Amino acid sequence: MILVSNNLRNYMRMPDHYVIRVNLAWTFSLEDLVENLNSHPNDFFIDIPSGRTKPPSNKYSLEKLYPIFTERPNVRYLGISNVEKSSQIVNWQLFGARPILVPKIESIAGVENIDEIMSVIKTEKIIMIDHDDLHTSLINNGVSPSKLYSDYIDPLLEYCDDNNIAALRTRGIVFSDE
């Protein structure tokens, strides 16, 4: 899967096989979200920034989002940020098989509890790994950042390989002068 930021649509045409990521922290109204979802045939990955400590943050309730997501088959994935335990995603399972829930792993606790987290996912199994926030989590917990790959990323990727879980990872950044 190639997952790209919704913002790129302002600068280039998205190939049909790309999945467009919309971060609800940067969606300023539900009307804008609906217009965005209706404006493009691609599948969408909606990022719910739960537990976000930096502004802006998600201001939309599950009750408000439910009809928007269930009425649009192109809302294929629902990423839940800052997942550290399974209880953080259980409420989102009311959608059933679609959209597919994708826990975003951003902390030491998320890595350590990956088996418990994935045990409640009953659909296609995918995680998103946020390297930057995981790095920050290490520093904030007094763990040497040099252990990021050897003790956290690599074992997490091995777990995913062993358990048929797709791991979405950052693969570069786009810079532009436009």
Foldseek 3Di string as FASTA:
>chain_A
DAEEEPVCVVPDDDPQAYEYEDEQLPVDDVVSVLCSLVVDPHAYEYEQAPPDPDHDHHDDDPVRCVVSQLVRQSPQEYEYEPDLAQVSCPVVCVSPAPNFYEYEHQAPSCQVHVVRNQVPRPYAAEYEYDLVSHLVRCVVVVHDSVCSVVPGVVVSVVVCVVVVHHYHYDDDDDDDPD
